[in-house]
Amino acid sequence: MNEDTTTYMRRINNILRKNRRILSTLNPNGKITVDGITLAEEGFNFHYFTNIYRTQKGSKYFFCYDQGYIKLDNDQYMLVHKQDYVR
């Protein structure tokens, strides 16, 4: 890898870790609903996530490592902690 690739990967990893830290801080008990503005004010970047979990009903949860979220109505987000059944 050249230096540009390493720098790019480090930058992406820092964004993902920051996203995870924000979700974890806002969701200490495993499940909570927050406003999108709250996430944005904390510096959350919605463009970066590690994986998507699709439910049988077609809903999509976006995860940053073990911390995830799903968009609800009215700019609300439910934050969740990854369960064993989520792959």
Protein backbone atom coordinates (compact mmCIF):
# COMPACT_ATOMS: atom_id res chain seq x y z
CA MET A 1 0.00 0.00 0.00
CA ASN A 2 1.19 3.46 -0.72
CA GLU A 3 0.94 6.39 1.67
CA ASP A 4 -2.21 7.82 0.04
CA THR A 5 -4.06 4.52 0.48
CA THR A 6 -2.95 4.21 4.09
CA THR A 7 -4.02 7.79 4.83
CA TYR A 8 -7.41 7.20 3.17
CA MET A 9 -7.99 3.97 5.12
CA ARG A 10 -7.00 5.65 8.39
CA ARG A 11 -9.42 8.53 7.71
CA ILE A 12 -12.32 6.14 6.97
CA ASN A 13 -11.56 4.06 10.06
CA ASN A 14 -11.52 7.21 12.21
CA ILE A 15 -14.95 8.23 10.88
CA LEU A 16 -16.35 4.73 11.58
CA ARG A 17 -14.92 4.70 15.10
CA LYS A 18 -16.33 8.18 15.79
CA ASN A 19 -19.77 7.07 14.52
CA ARG A 20 -19.64 4.01 16.77
CA ARG A 21 -18.58 6.11 19.76
CA ILE A 22 -21.48 8.54 19.18
CA LEU A 23 -24.04 5.73 18.89
CA SER A 24 -22.66 3.99 21.96
CA THR A 25 -22.69 7.17 24.04
CA LEU A 26 -26.27 8.06 23.06
CA ASN A 27 -27.46 4.47 23.56
CA PRO A 28 -26.03 3.15 26.85
CA ASN A 29 -28.91 0.74 27.52
CA GLY A 30 -29.22 -0.99 24.14
CA LYS A 31 -32.23 0.75 22.58
CA ILE A 32 -33.33 4.40 22.38
CA THR A 33 -34.92 6.84 19.94
CA VAL A 34 -33.16 10.13 19.13
CA ASP A 35 -33.61 13.01 16.70
CA GLY A 36 -31.48 13.14 13.57
CA ILE A 37 -30.36 16.62 14.61
CA THR A 38 -28.92 15.16 17.82
CA LEU A 39 -26.80 12.73 15.80
CA ALA A 40 -25.72 15.51 13.43
CA GLU A 41 -24.80 17.86 16.29
CA GLU A 42 -22.58 15.14 17.75
CA GLY A 43 -20.76 14.89 14.41
CA PHE A 44 -22.31 11.62 13.18
CA ASN A 45 -21.62 10.92 9.49
CA PHE A 46 -24.53 9.02 7.92
CA HIS A 47 -22.48 8.16 4.81
CA TYR A 48 -20.21 5.73 6.67
CA PHE A 49 -21.21 2.38 8.19
CA THR A 50 -19.74 -1.11 8.36
CA ASN A 51 -22.77 -3.17 7.32
CA ILE A 52 -26.52 -3.22 6.68
CA TYR A 53 -28.93 -5.69 8.25
CA ARG A 54 -32.18 -6.23 6.33
CA THR A 55 -35.15 -7.61 8.24
CA GLN A 56 -37.63 -10.06 6.74
CA LYS A 57 -40.05 -7.14 6.34
CA GLY A 58 -37.45 -5.18 4.35
CA SER A 59 -36.39 -2.65 6.98
CA LYS A 60 -32.71 -1.69 6.95
CA TYR A 61 -30.54 -1.25 10.02
CA PHE A 62 -27.19 0.44 9.43
CA PHE A 63 -24.33 -0.59 11.72
CA CYS A 64 -21.02 0.85 12.79
CA TYR A 65 -19.46 -2.29 14.17
CA ASP A 66 -21.81 -3.39 17.01
CA GLN A 67 -23.87 -0.18 17.21
CA GLY A 68 -26.72 0.39 14.78
CA TYR A 69 -29.65 2.56 13.84
CA ILE A 70 -32.80 2.56 11.75
CA LYS A 71 -34.52 5.67 10.39
CA LEU A 72 -38.07 6.15 11.63
CA ASP A 73 -40.62 8.83 10.73
CA ASN A 74 -40.16 12.55 11.47
CA ASP A 75 -36.34 12.51 11.42
CA GLN A 76 -36.24 10.07 14.34
CA TYR A 77 -33.70 7.25 14.62
CA MET A 78 -33.91 4.19 16.80
CA LEU A 79 -30.46 3.24 18.06
CA VAL A 80 -29.78 -0.41 18.81
CA HIS A 81 -26.98 -2.66 19.95
CA LYS A 82 -26.28 -5.60 17.62
CA GLN A 83 -27.87 -8.83 18.81
CA ASP A 84 -26.52 -12.34 18.21
CA TYR A 85 -29.03 -13.01 15.42
CA VAL A 86 -27.82 -10.02 13.39
CA ARG A 87 -25.02 -11.06 11.06
